[in-house]
Amino acid sequence: MDIRYVRITDVIGDGSTTDSSGAPLFDPYATPFPTGGFDLDAVGILHVPEPATTALLGAGLVGLMLVGGRRKQRQRLLAVATLAAVGFATPALALVTDFEDLGLGAESHENGAGLGGGALVSGGVTYQNNYYAAWDGFDGFAASTRTDTTTAGFGNQYSAITGSGANGSPTYGVYFSTGNIVLPSATIVAGAEFTNTTYAALSMLHGDAFAKQFGGTTGLDPDYFRLIIEGLDAGGGSTGTVEFMLADYRDPGTANDYVVTDWTWVDLSTLGVVSQLSFSFESTDVHPTFGINTPTYFAIDDLTTIPEPSTTLLLGLGLAGLAGRRNRNRIRRAE
């Protein structure tokens, strides 16, 4: 039975109505009104898988093992292994981390001041954070619900240029300078949403006391701001890099110049199986002593992993492969 909705009815309890058996209903707190309403504190849902599919599959497996002659044995083994793999495998769910589980209020941020020296953890994923109480600053990752897209400067470092998280969600991550994402186990990361912070975007668009306006006074300077995302395996070795241009003015003329001001999905699956993600920047605006002048920030949201096949699925498919190999070997000997 596929139950999608449950109707809850407020029944008048003065004895004028009856239940399905004809018994009168009495409200212990009767009111003179046609309906007095009620308080609903919680709804519990217990999901029990429907037995029909599993029962039919089990019956089919038993039938395959019982019917047919000896020469059908190999075919039955192959069918049983494949049906077991497909029928009984429980698919793993993709992990999505979106910072909403941190419970931040509107127009607020968590830069580590409330973490007690720990890291941000969202959806089981660790976002490294270093907090500096002396100036209420951080590096690594912070989380934010700030929406200011117009105020320039360092004082607005916790806002994304989009004014919200990805897909209009309230919460997102903010990265500054250095720090890794540490996954709960080695896996393939499908990708994540990236954009500029308001601080970095307005600095590149208009310049500030420390950084140049991208394109220069003529708009023709071939400036760029590149984010480099590197995958790290369990031993800290590199699995590869993915580059994302947060701003690019290198095309001749100005028609194709841009600073990223929308959330953009970046595919990270080419990094393969990773345990951590690290980040670095390249910019054309560089001080000879202090390095990159462009504010080394970005915003991130909806980091998504690719689920691994379940153990049952892998075992079943392995049995199917062995059955197929045995069948081929016997055919060759018969020839």
C-alpha atoms as a PDB file:
ATOM      1  CA  MET A   1       0.000   0.000   0.000  1.00  0.00           C
ATOM      2  CA  ASP A   2       1.424   3.377  -1.011  1.00  0.00           C
ATOM      3  CA  ILE A   3       0.308   5.918   1.613  1.00  0.00           C
ATOM      4  CA  ARG A   4       1.123   9.486   0.630  1.00  0.00           C
ATOM      5  CA  TYR A   5      -1.171  11.552   2.856  1.00  0.00           C
ATOM      6  CA  VAL A   6      -2.794  11.189   6.273  1.00  0.00           C
ATOM      7  CA  ARG A   7      -5.954  13.176   7.040  1.00  0.00           C
ATOM      8  CA  ILE A   8      -6.371  14.448  10.612  1.00  0.00           C
ATOM      9  CA  THR A   9      -9.918  15.473  11.525  1.00  0.00           C
ATOM     10  CA  ASP A  10     -11.061  17.461  14.543  1.00  0.00           C
ATOM     11  CA  VAL A  11     -14.204  15.638  15.679  1.00  0.00           C
ATOM     12  CA  ILE A  12     -16.812  17.431  17.800  1.00  0.00           C
ATOM     13  CA  GLY A  13     -16.756  15.688  21.162  1.00  0.00           C
ATOM     14  CA  ASP A  14     -20.170  16.475  22.706  1.00  0.00           C
ATOM     15  CA  GLY A  15     -21.646  13.036  21.979  1.00  0.00           C
ATOM     16  CA  SER A  16     -23.441  14.154  18.810  1.00  0.00           C
ATOM     17  CA  THR A  17     -20.959  12.338  16.595  1.00  0.00           C
ATOM     18  CA  THR A  18     -19.987   8.692  16.608  1.00  0.00           C
ATOM     19  CA  ASP A  19     -17.045   6.624  15.491  1.00  0.00           C
ATOM     20  CA  SER A  20     -17.156   3.911  12.811  1.00  0.00           C
ATOM     21  CA  SER A  21     -18.644   1.473  15.329  1.00  0.00           C
ATOM     22  CA  GLY A  22     -21.451   3.813  16.315  1.00  0.00           C
ATOM     23  CA  ALA A  23     -20.006   4.753  19.712  1.00  0.00           C
ATOM     24  CA  PRO A  24     -20.511   8.425  20.700  1.00  0.00           C
ATOM     25  CA  LEU A  25     -17.456  10.642  20.947  1.00  0.00           C
ATOM     26  CA  PHE A  26     -16.932  12.906  23.921  1.00  0.00           C
ATOM     27  CA  ASP A  27     -14.315  15.642  24.175  1.00  0.00           C
ATOM     28  CA  PRO A  28     -12.880  15.936  27.710  1.00  0.00           C
ATOM     29  CA  TYR A  29     -12.654  19.684  27.087  1.00  0.00           C
ATOM     30  CA  ALA A  30     -15.954  20.370  25.347  1.00  0.00           C
ATOM     31  CA  THR A  31     -16.547  23.827  23.854  1.00  0.00           C
ATOM     32  CA  PRO A  32     -19.692  25.517  22.518  1.00  0.00           C
ATOM     33  CA  PHE A  33     -18.005  25.966  19.146  1.00  0.00           C
ATOM     34  CA  PRO A  34     -18.454  23.655  16.128  1.00  0.00           C
ATOM     35  CA  THR A  35     -14.726  22.896  16.298  1.00  0.00           C
ATOM     36  CA  GLY A  36     -12.189  23.742  18.960  1.00  0.00           C
ATOM     37  CA  GLY A  37      -8.989  22.763  17.154  1.00  0.00           C
ATOM     38  CA  PHE A  38      -6.220  20.681  18.668  1.00  0.00           C
ATOM     39  CA  ASP A  39      -2.483  20.745  19.355  1.00  0.00           C
ATOM     40  CA  LEU A  40      -0.229  18.578  17.218  1.00  0.00           C
ATOM     41  CA  ASP A  41       3.252  18.336  18.695  1.00  0.00           C
ATOM     42  CA  ALA A  42       4.895  15.825  16.372  1.00  0.00           C
ATOM     43  CA  VAL A  43       4.323  13.228  13.698  1.00  0.00           C
ATOM     44  CA  GLY A  44       6.327  10.009  13.672  1.00  0.00           C
ATOM     45  CA  ILE A  45       6.757   8.017  10.463  1.00  0.00           C
ATOM     46  CA  LEU A  46       7.950   4.417  10.529  1.00  0.00           C
ATOM     47  CA  HIS A  47       8.906   3.282   7.048  1.00  0.00           C
ATOM     48  CA  VAL A  48       8.530  -0.454   6.550  1.00  0.00           C
ATOM     49  CA  PRO A  49       9.559  -1.690   3.085  1.00  0.00           C
ATOM     50  CA  GLU A  50       6.731  -3.280   1.161  1.00  0.00           C
ATOM     51  CA  PRO A  51       7.230  -7.063   1.160  1.00  0.00           C
ATOM     52  CA  ALA A  52       5.740  -7.755  -2.256  1.00  0.00           C
ATOM     53  CA  THR A  53       8.834  -7.112  -4.389  1.00  0.00           C
ATOM     54  CA  THR A  54      11.214  -8.931  -2.061  1.00  0.00           C
ATOM     55  CA  ALA A  55       8.847 -11.895  -1.736  1.00  0.00           C
ATOM     56  CA  LEU A  56       8.413 -12.217  -5.483  1.00  0.00           C
ATOM     57  CA  LEU A  57      12.149 -11.930  -6.034  1.00  0.00           C
ATOM     58  CA  GLY A  58      12.826 -14.591  -3.405  1.00  0.00           C
ATOM     59  CA  ALA A  59      10.289 -16.921  -4.943  1.00  0.00           C
ATOM     60  CA  GLY A  60      11.873 -16.402  -8.327  1.00  0.00           C
ATOM     61  CA  LEU A  61      15.325 -17.240  -6.978  1.00  0.00           C
ATOM     62  CA  VAL A  62      14.023 -20.453  -5.373  1.00  0.00           C
ATOM     63  CA  GLY A  63      12.325 -21.401  -8.613  1.00  0.00           C
ATOM     64  CA  LEU A  64      15.474 -20.854 -10.614  1.00  0.00           C
ATOM     65  CA  MET A  65      17.419 -23.144  -8.293  1.00  0.00           C
ATOM     66  CA  LEU A  66      14.831 -25.917  -8.411  1.00  0.00           C
ATOM     67  CA  VAL A  67      13.776 -26.169 -12.039  1.00  0.00           C
ATOM     68  CA  GLY A  68      15.735 -27.352 -15.074  1.00  0.00           C
ATOM     69  CA  GLY A  69      18.276 -30.063 -15.696  1.00  0.00           C
ATOM     70  CA  ARG A  70      21.954 -30.257 -14.938  1.00  0.00           C
ATOM     71  CA  ARG A  71      22.961 -28.384 -18.051  1.00  0.00           C
ATOM     72  CA  LYS A  72      20.918 -25.381 -16.784  1.00  0.00           C
ATOM     73  CA  GLN A  73      22.987 -25.072 -13.597  1.00  0.00           C
ATOM     74  CA  ARG A  74      25.406 -22.477 -14.898  1.00  0.00           C
ATOM     75  CA  GLN A  75      22.631 -20.321 -16.333  1.00  0.00           C
ATOM     76  CA  ARG A  76      20.740 -20.515 -13.044  1.00  0.00           C
ATOM     77  CA  LEU A  77      23.833 -19.487 -11.071  1.00  0.00           C
ATOM     78  CA  LEU A  78      24.332 -16.492 -13.328  1.00  0.00           C
ATOM     79  CA  ALA A  79      20.676 -15.462 -13.046  1.00  0.00           C
ATOM     80  CA  VAL A  80      20.645 -15.897  -9.250  1.00  0.00           C
ATOM     81  CA  ALA A  81      23.777 -13.771  -8.798  1.00  0.00           C
ATOM     82  CA  THR A  82      22.462 -11.001 -11.035  1.00  0.00           C
ATOM     83  CA  LEU A  83      19.012 -10.957  -9.410  1.00  0.00           C
ATOM     84  CA  ALA A  84      20.600 -10.895  -5.949  1.00  0.00           C
ATOM     85  CA  ALA A  85      22.816  -7.989  -6.922  1.00  0.00           C
ATOM     86  CA  VAL A  86      19.997  -5.932  -8.388  1.00  0.00           C
ATOM     87  CA  GLY A  87      17.192  -6.974  -6.062  1.00  0.00           C
ATOM     88  CA  PHE A  88      18.852  -6.925  -2.664  1.00  0.00           C
ATOM     89  CA  ALA A  89      21.420  -4.164  -3.071  1.00  0.00           C
ATOM     90  CA  THR A  90      20.690  -1.062  -1.027  1.00  0.00           C
ATOM     91  CA  PRO A  91      22.035   1.978  -2.859  1.00  0.00           C
ATOM     92  CA  ALA A  92      24.197   4.357  -0.844  1.00  0.00           C
ATOM     93  CA  LEU A  93      23.009   7.945  -0.734  1.00  0.00           C
ATOM     94  CA  ALA A  94      25.000  10.865  -2.048  1.00  0.00           C
ATOM     95  CA  LEU A  95      26.379  13.152   0.649  1.00  0.00           C
ATOM     96  CA  VAL A  96      25.369  16.804   0.251  1.00  0.00           C
ATOM     97  CA  THR A  97      26.744  19.403   2.640  1.00  0.00           C
ATOM     98  CA  ASP A  98      25.023  22.788   2.523  1.00  0.00           C
ATOM     99  CA  PHE A  99      25.741  24.437   5.918  1.00  0.00           C
ATOM    100  CA  GLU A 100      22.021  24.667   6.745  1.00  0.00           C
ATOM    101  CA  ASP A 101      22.486  22.174   9.587  1.00  0.00           C
ATOM    102  CA  LEU A 102      24.623  24.722  11.459  1.00  0.00           C
ATOM    103  CA  GLY A 103      21.468  26.604  12.428  1.00  0.00           C
ATOM    104  CA  LEU A 104      22.724  30.149  11.837  1.00  0.00           C
ATOM    105  CA  GLY A 105      20.258  32.986  12.288  1.00  0.00           C
ATOM    106  CA  ALA A 106      19.555  35.624   9.651  1.00  0.00           C
ATOM    107  CA  GLU A 107      22.377  38.064   8.866  1.00  0.00           C
ATOM    108  CA  SER A 108      24.941  36.229  10.957  1.00  0.00           C
ATOM    109  CA  HIS A 109      28.132  34.252  10.532  1.00  0.00           C
ATOM    110  CA  GLU A 110      30.262  31.677  12.312  1.00  0.00           C
ATOM    111  CA  ASN A 111      33.950  32.413  11.872  1.00  0.00           C
ATOM    112  CA  GLY A 112      35.149  30.060  14.594  1.00  0.00           C
ATOM    113  CA  ALA A 113      34.401  32.260  17.594  1.00  0.00           C
ATOM    114  CA  GLY A 114      31.668  29.848  18.671  1.00  0.00           C
ATOM    115  CA  LEU A 115      33.511  26.647  17.844  1.00  0.00           C
ATOM    116  CA  GLY A 116      35.844  26.488  20.822  1.00  0.00           C
ATOM    117  CA  GLY A 117      38.887  25.829  18.682  1.00  0.00           C
ATOM    118  CA  GLY A 118      37.201  23.224  16.513  1.00  0.00           C
ATOM    119  CA  ALA A 119      36.315  23.123  12.850  1.00  0.00           C
ATOM    120  CA  LEU A 120      33.058  23.653  10.996  1.00  0.00           C
ATOM    121  CA  VAL A 121      31.299  20.351  10.409  1.00  0.00           C
ATOM    122  CA  SER A 122      28.337  20.232   8.031  1.00  0.00           C
ATOM    123  CA  GLY A 123      26.744  17.046   6.757  1.00  0.00           C
ATOM    124  CA  GLY A 124      29.618  15.031   8.205  1.00  0.00           C
ATOM    125  CA  VAL A 125      32.207  16.999   6.216  1.00  0.00           C
ATOM    126  CA  THR A 126      34.899  18.944   8.088  1.00  0.00           C
ATOM    127  CA  TYR A 127      35.764  22.464   6.942  1.00  0.00           C
ATOM    128  CA  GLN A 128      39.030  23.469   8.573  1.00  0.00           C
ATOM    129  CA  ASN A 129      38.975  26.728  10.506  1.00  0.00           C
ATOM    130  CA  ASN A 130      41.475  28.806  12.451  1.00  0.00           C
ATOM    131  CA  TYR A 131      40.020  31.558  14.630  1.00  0.00           C
ATOM    132  CA  TYR A 132      42.048  34.517  15.926  1.00  0.00           C
ATOM    133  CA  ALA A 133      40.329  36.045  18.941  1.00  0.00           C
ATOM    134  CA  ALA A 134      42.682  39.050  19.105  1.00  0.00           C
ATOM    135  CA  TRP A 135      41.035  40.585  16.024  1.00  0.00           C
ATOM    136  CA  ASP A 136      37.982  38.349  15.638  1.00  0.00           C
ATOM    137  CA  GLY A 137      39.406  37.004  12.391  1.00  0.00           C
ATOM    138  CA  PHE A 138      39.750  33.635  10.725  1.00  0.00           C
ATOM    139  CA  ASP A 139      41.277  31.672   7.916  1.00  0.00           C
ATOM    140  CA  GLY A 140      40.005  28.478   6.383  1.00  0.00           C
ATOM    141  CA  PHE A 141      36.226  28.306   6.351  1.00  0.00           C
ATOM    142  CA  ALA A 142      33.435  30.299   7.928  1.00  0.00           C
ATOM    143  CA  ALA A 143      29.674  29.887   7.488  1.00  0.00           C
ATOM    144  CA  SER A 144      27.392  32.807   6.746  1.00  0.00           C
ATOM    145  CA  THR A 145      23.853  34.020   6.104  1.00  0.00           C
ATOM    146  CA  ARG A 146      24.968  37.557   5.213  1.00  0.00           C
ATOM    147  CA  THR A 147      23.163  39.144   2.241  1.00  0.00           C
ATOM    148  CA  ASP A 148      25.063  42.420   1.657  1.00  0.00           C
ATOM    149  CA  THR A 149      25.993  42.659  -2.040  1.00  0.00           C
ATOM    150  CA  THR A 150      26.819  46.380  -2.163  1.00  0.00           C
ATOM    151  CA  THR A 151      29.196  47.264   0.688  1.00  0.00           C
ATOM    152  CA  ALA A 152      32.820  47.160  -0.430  1.00  0.00           C
ATOM    153  CA  GLY A 153      35.809  46.341   1.731  1.00  0.00           C
ATOM    154  CA  PHE A 154      37.124  43.917   4.324  1.00  0.00           C
ATOM    155  CA  GLY A 155      34.297  44.703   6.752  1.00  0.00           C
ATOM    156  CA  ASN A 156      31.938  42.820   4.452  1.00  0.00           C
ATOM    157  CA  GLN A 157      34.087  39.699   4.086  1.00  0.00           C
ATOM    158  CA  TYR A 158      31.311  37.280   5.092  1.00  0.00           C
ATOM    159  CA  SER A 159      28.846  38.079   2.288  1.00  0.00           C
ATOM    160  CA  ALA A 160      28.491  36.236  -1.022  1.00  0.00           C
ATOM    161  CA  ILE A 161      28.033  38.459  -4.072  1.00  0.00           C
ATOM    162  CA  THR A 162      24.851  36.492  -4.836  1.00  0.00           C
ATOM    163  CA  GLY A 163      23.164  37.635  -1.632  1.00  0.00           C
ATOM    164  CA  SER A 164      22.297  34.084  -0.598  1.00  0.00           C
ATOM    165  CA  GLY A 165      23.413  30.494  -0.748  1.00  0.00           C
ATOM    166  CA  ALA A 166      23.042  28.310  -3.836  1.00  0.00           C
ATOM    167  CA  ASN A 167      19.465  27.967  -5.134  1.00  0.00           C
ATOM    168  CA  GLY A 168      18.351  30.747  -2.819  1.00  0.00           C
ATOM    169  CA  SER A 169      19.227  28.914   0.398  1.00  0.00           C
ATOM    170  CA  PRO A 170      20.152  31.130   3.364  1.00  0.00           C
ATOM    171  CA  THR A 171      23.461  29.560   4.441  1.00  0.00           C
ATOM    172  CA  TYR A 172      26.765  29.019   2.632  1.00  0.00           C
ATOM    173  CA  GLY A 173      30.471  28.696   3.314  1.00  0.00           C
ATOM    174  CA  VAL A 174      33.125  31.410   3.001  1.00  0.00           C
ATOM    175  CA  TYR A 175      36.782  30.545   2.422  1.00  0.00           C
ATOM    176  CA  PHE A 176      39.777  32.752   3.158  1.00  0.00           C
ATOM    177  CA  SER A 177      43.457  32.161   2.515  1.00  0.00           C
ATOM    178  CA  THR A 178      44.124  28.569   3.594  1.00  0.00           C
ATOM    179  CA  GLY A 179      42.364  25.443   4.845  1.00  0.00           C
ATOM    180  CA  ASN A 180      41.131  22.090   3.560  1.00  0.00           C
ATOM    181  CA  ILE A 181      37.852  20.234   3.269  1.00  0.00           C
ATOM    182  CA  VAL A 182      38.185  16.842   4.977  1.00  0.00           C
ATOM    183  CA  LEU A 183      35.733  14.132   3.919  1.00  0.00           C
ATOM    184  CA  PRO A 184      34.477  11.510   6.411  1.00  0.00           C
ATOM    185  CA  SER A 185      35.869   8.767   4.141  1.00  0.00           C
ATOM    186  CA  ALA A 186      37.666   8.567   0.810  1.00  0.00           C
ATOM    187  CA  THR A 187      35.146   9.103  -1.971  1.00  0.00           C
ATOM    188  CA  ILE A 188      34.525  10.785  -5.312  1.00  0.00           C
ATOM    189  CA  VAL A 189      33.291  14.369  -5.057  1.00  0.00           C
ATOM    190  CA  ALA A 190      30.787  15.138  -7.818  1.00  0.00           C
ATOM    191  CA  GLY A 191      31.286  18.875  -7.414  1.00  0.00           C
ATOM    192  CA  ALA A 192      30.141  21.987  -5.582  1.00  0.00           C
ATOM    193  CA  GLU A 193      28.680  25.430  -6.172  1.00  0.00           C
ATOM    194  CA  PHE A 194      31.180  28.320  -6.155  1.00  0.00           C
ATOM    195  CA  THR A 195      30.959  32.097  -6.415  1.00  0.00           C
ATOM    196  CA  ASN A 196      32.814  35.214  -5.305  1.00  0.00           C
ATOM    197  CA  THR A 197      32.376  36.972  -2.006  1.00  0.00           C
ATOM    198  CA  THR A 198      31.151  40.548  -2.146  1.00  0.00           C
ATOM    199  CA  TYR A 199      34.514  41.743  -0.846  1.00  0.00           C
ATOM    200  CA  ALA A 200      36.496  40.020  -3.617  1.00  0.00           C
ATOM    201  CA  ALA A 201      34.014  40.787  -6.408  1.00  0.00           C
ATOM    202  CA  LEU A 202      33.775  44.519  -5.716  1.00  0.00           C
ATOM    203  CA  SER A 203      37.541  44.739  -5.260  1.00  0.00           C
ATOM    204  CA  MET A 204      38.078  43.292  -8.741  1.00  0.00           C
ATOM    205  CA  LEU A 205      35.299  45.353 -10.327  1.00  0.00           C
ATOM    206  CA  HIS A 206      36.279  48.718  -8.828  1.00  0.00           C
ATOM    207  CA  GLY A 207      39.644  48.323  -7.098  1.00  0.00           C
ATOM    208  CA  ASP A 208      40.385  49.284  -3.496  1.00  0.00           C
ATOM    209  CA  ALA A 209      43.225  50.535  -1.304  1.00  0.00           C
ATOM    210  CA  PHE A 210      45.171  47.285  -1.749  1.00  0.00           C
ATOM    211  CA  ALA A 211      44.078  45.774  -5.075  1.00  0.00           C
ATOM    212  CA  LYS A 212      43.719  47.039  -8.637  1.00  0.00           C
ATOM    213  CA  GLN A 213      40.577  47.313 -10.694  1.00  0.00           C
ATOM    214  CA  PHE A 214      40.605  44.406 -13.118  1.00  0.00           C
ATOM    215  CA  GLY A 215      41.148  45.553 -16.680  1.00  0.00           C
ATOM    216  CA  GLY A 216      42.910  48.701 -15.480  1.00  0.00           C
ATOM    217  CA  THR A 217      41.818  52.196 -16.421  1.00  0.00           C
ATOM    218  CA  THR A 218      41.366  51.209 -20.070  1.00  0.00           C
ATOM    219  CA  GLY A 219      39.612  47.927 -19.339  1.00  0.00           C
ATOM    220  CA  LEU A 220      42.157  46.108 -21.515  1.00  0.00           C
ATOM    221  CA  ASP A 221      44.587  44.748 -18.909  1.00  0.00           C
ATOM    222  CA  PRO A 222      44.511  40.907 -19.219  1.00  0.00           C
ATOM    223  CA  ASP A 223      43.718  40.251 -15.569  1.00  0.00           C
ATOM    224  CA  TYR A 224      42.414  37.066 -14.046  1.00  0.00           C
ATOM    225  CA  PHE A 225      41.678  35.473 -10.669  1.00  0.00           C
ATOM    226  CA  ARG A 226      41.921  31.682 -10.702  1.00  0.00           C
ATOM    227  CA  LEU A 227      40.866  29.185  -8.032  1.00  0.00           C
ATOM    228  CA  ILE A 228      42.775  25.882  -8.071  1.00  0.00           C
ATOM    229  CA  ILE A 229      41.085  22.930  -6.355  1.00  0.00           C
ATOM    230  CA  GLU A 230      43.346  19.970  -5.612  1.00  0.00           C
ATOM    231  CA  GLY A 231      42.310  16.483  -4.555  1.00  0.00           C
ATOM    232  CA  LEU A 232      44.368  14.709  -1.891  1.00  0.00           C
ATOM    233  CA  ASP A 233      44.361  10.983  -1.210  1.00  0.00           C
ATOM    234  CA  ALA A 234      44.563   9.373   2.233  1.00  0.00           C
ATOM    235  CA  GLY A 235      48.353   9.775   2.253  1.00  0.00           C
ATOM    236  CA  GLY A 236      48.257  13.432   1.268  1.00  0.00           C
ATOM    237  CA  GLY A 237      49.285  12.794  -2.329  1.00  0.00           C
ATOM    238  CA  SER A 238      47.732  14.794  -5.139  1.00  0.00           C
ATOM    239  CA  THR A 239      45.038  13.152  -7.264  1.00  0.00           C
ATOM    240  CA  GLY A 240      44.874  16.082  -9.682  1.00  0.00           C
ATOM    241  CA  THR A 241      43.574  19.643  -9.909  1.00  0.00           C
ATOM    242  CA  VAL A 242      40.529  21.483 -11.259  1.00  0.00           C
ATOM    243  CA  GLU A 243      40.684  25.174 -12.130  1.00  0.00           C
ATOM    244  CA  PHE A 244      37.828  27.659 -11.880  1.00  0.00           C
ATOM    245  CA  MET A 245      38.114  31.254 -13.076  1.00  0.00           C
ATOM    246  CA  LEU A 246      36.562  33.584 -10.522  1.00  0.00           C
ATOM    247  CA  ALA A 247      37.332  36.463 -12.898  1.00  0.00           C
ATOM    248  CA  ASP A 248      38.794  36.588 -16.405  1.00  0.00           C
ATOM    249  CA  TYR A 249      39.710  39.666 -18.462  1.00  0.00           C
ATOM    250  CA  ARG A 250      42.192  37.988 -20.804  1.00  0.00           C
ATOM    251  CA  ASP A 251      40.064  37.930 -23.933  1.00  0.00           C
ATOM    252  CA  PRO A 252      40.962  40.714 -26.429  1.00  0.00           C
ATOM    253  CA  GLY A 253      38.619  43.660 -26.019  1.00  0.00           C
ATOM    254  CA  THR A 254      36.136  43.843 -23.161  1.00  0.00           C
ATOM    255  CA  ALA A 255      33.045  42.017 -24.427  1.00  0.00           C
ATOM    256  CA  ASN A 256      33.889  38.733 -22.714  1.00  0.00           C
ATOM    257  CA  ASP A 257      35.400  40.104 -19.502  1.00  0.00           C
ATOM    258  CA  TYR A 258      33.679  38.871 -16.362  1.00  0.00           C
ATOM    259  CA  VAL A 259      33.733  38.583 -12.602  1.00  0.00           C
ATOM    260  CA  VAL A 260      31.658  35.640 -11.352  1.00  0.00           C
ATOM    261  CA  THR A 261      28.534  36.965  -9.618  1.00  0.00           C
ATOM    262  CA  ASP A 262      26.327  33.833  -9.754  1.00  0.00           C
ATOM    263  CA  TRP A 263      26.580  30.439  -8.167  1.00  0.00           C
ATOM    264  CA  THR A 264      28.381  28.149 -10.615  1.00  0.00           C
ATOM    265  CA  TRP A 265      28.580  24.367 -10.450  1.00  0.00           C
ATOM    266  CA  VAL A 266      32.156  23.093 -10.709  1.00  0.00           C
ATOM    267  CA  ASP A 267      32.635  19.413 -11.608  1.00  0.00           C
ATOM    268  CA  LEU A 268      35.214  17.805  -9.307  1.00  0.00           C
ATOM    269  CA  SER A 269      34.666  14.158 -10.266  1.00  0.00           C
ATOM    270  CA  THR A 270      37.841  14.139 -12.390  1.00  0.00           C
ATOM    271  CA  LEU A 271      39.862  14.301  -9.158  1.00  0.00           C
ATOM    272  CA  GLY A 272      38.891  10.677  -8.517  1.00  0.00           C
ATOM    273  CA  VAL A 273      38.708   9.204  -5.034  1.00  0.00           C
ATOM    274  CA  VAL A 274      39.839  11.831  -2.534  1.00  0.00           C
ATOM    275  CA  SER A 275      40.095  12.222   1.218  1.00  0.00           C
ATOM    276  CA  GLN A 276      40.562  16.001   1.217  1.00  0.00           C
ATOM    277  CA  LEU A 277      40.244  19.025  -1.026  1.00  0.00           C
ATOM    278  CA  SER A 278      42.764  21.875  -0.835  1.00  0.00           C
ATOM    279  CA  PHE A 279      42.583  25.318  -2.431  1.00  0.00           C
ATOM    280  CA  SER A 280      44.966  27.897  -3.829  1.00  0.00           C
ATOM    281  CA  PHE A 281      44.768  31.023  -5.975  1.00  0.00           C
ATOM    282  CA  GLU A 282      46.495  32.688  -8.901  1.00  0.00           C
ATOM    283  CA  SER A 283      46.035  36.353  -9.821  1.00  0.00           C
ATOM    284  CA  THR A 284      47.608  38.873 -12.140  1.00  0.00           C
ATOM    285  CA  ASP A 285      47.500  41.446  -9.328  1.00  0.00           C
ATOM    286  CA  VAL A 286      50.519  40.467  -7.236  1.00  0.00           C
ATOM    287  CA  HIS A 287      52.686  42.451  -4.811  1.00  0.00           C
ATOM    288  CA  PRO A 288      56.396  41.550  -5.117  1.00  0.00           C
ATOM    289  CA  THR A 289      56.703  41.050  -1.350  1.00  0.00           C
ATOM    290  CA  PHE A 290      53.265  40.226   0.022  1.00  0.00           C
ATOM    291  CA  GLY A 291      51.891  38.147  -2.825  1.00  0.00           C
ATOM    292  CA  ILE A 292      48.372  38.307  -4.256  1.00  0.00           C
ATOM    293  CA  ASN A 293      46.608  41.642  -3.763  1.00  0.00           C
ATOM    294  CA  THR A 294      43.196  40.344  -4.853  1.00  0.00           C
ATOM    295  CA  PRO A 295      41.235  39.238  -1.748  1.00  0.00           C
ATOM    296  CA  THR A 296      41.786  35.475  -1.592  1.00  0.00           C
ATOM    297  CA  TYR A 297      38.192  34.549  -0.810  1.00  0.00           C
ATOM    298  CA  PHE A 298      35.455  32.484  -2.379  1.00  0.00           C
ATOM    299  CA  ALA A 299      32.025  31.228  -1.334  1.00  0.00           C
ATOM    300  CA  ILE A 300      31.001  27.560  -1.544  1.00  0.00           C
ATOM    301  CA  ASP A 301      27.771  25.599  -1.167  1.00  0.00           C
ATOM    302  CA  ASP A 302      26.178  22.203  -1.890  1.00  0.00           C
ATOM    303  CA  LEU A 303      29.320  20.056  -1.932  1.00  0.00           C
ATOM    304  CA  THR A 304      28.097  16.701  -3.289  1.00  0.00           C
ATOM    305  CA  THR A 305      29.751  13.287  -3.318  1.00  0.00           C
ATOM    306  CA  ILE A 306      29.081  10.343  -5.623  1.00  0.00           C
ATOM    307  CA  PRO A 307      27.708   7.354  -3.670  1.00  0.00           C
ATOM    308  CA  GLU A 308      29.696   4.130  -3.825  1.00  0.00           C
ATOM    309  CA  PRO A 309      27.927   0.928  -4.939  1.00  0.00           C
ATOM    310  CA  SER A 310      26.664  -1.112  -2.011  1.00  0.00           C
ATOM    311  CA  THR A 311      28.594  -4.164  -0.827  1.00  0.00           C
ATOM    312  CA  THR A 312      25.707  -6.428  -1.805  1.00  0.00           C
ATOM    313  CA  LEU A 313      25.674  -5.060  -5.341  1.00  0.00           C
ATOM    314  CA  LEU A 314      29.409  -5.562  -5.768  1.00  0.00           C
ATOM    315  CA  LEU A 315      29.231  -9.091  -4.333  1.00  0.00           C
ATOM    316  CA  GLY A 316      26.321 -10.063  -6.532  1.00  0.00           C
ATOM    317  CA  LEU A 317      27.900  -8.710  -9.682  1.00  0.00           C
ATOM    318  CA  GLY A 318      31.125 -10.500  -8.774  1.00  0.00           C
ATOM    319  CA  LEU A 319      29.239 -13.795  -8.489  1.00  0.00           C
ATOM    320  CA  ALA A 320      27.593 -13.110 -11.828  1.00  0.00           C
ATOM    321  CA  GLY A 321      31.003 -12.536 -13.387  1.00  0.00           C
ATOM    322  CA  LEU A 322      32.363 -15.783 -11.930  1.00  0.00           C
ATOM    323  CA  ALA A 323      29.356 -17.679 -13.217  1.00  0.00           C
ATOM    324  CA  GLY A 324      29.804 -16.225 -16.676  1.00  0.00           C
ATOM    325  CA  ARG A 325      33.507 -17.053 -16.677  1.00  0.00           C
ATOM    326  CA  ARG A 326      32.825 -20.638 -15.619  1.00  0.00           C
ATOM    327  CA  ASN A 327      30.303 -20.979 -18.420  1.00  0.00           C
ATOM    328  CA  ARG A 328      32.766 -19.698 -21.036  1.00  0.00           C
ATOM    329  CA  ASN A 329      35.512 -22.057 -19.805  1.00  0.00           C
ATOM    330  CA  ARG A 330      33.223 -25.073 -20.118  1.00  0.00           C
ATOM    331  CA  ILE A 331      32.207 -24.077 -23.612  1.00  0.00           C
ATOM    332  CA  ARG A 332      35.871 -23.836 -24.652  1.00  0.00           C
ATOM    333  CA  ARG A 333      36.594 -27.334 -23.241  1.00  0.00           C
ATOM    334  CA  ALA A 334      33.584 -28.730 -25.077  1.00  0.00           C
ATOM    335  CA  GLU A 335      34.916 -27.308 -28.337  1.00  0.00           C
END
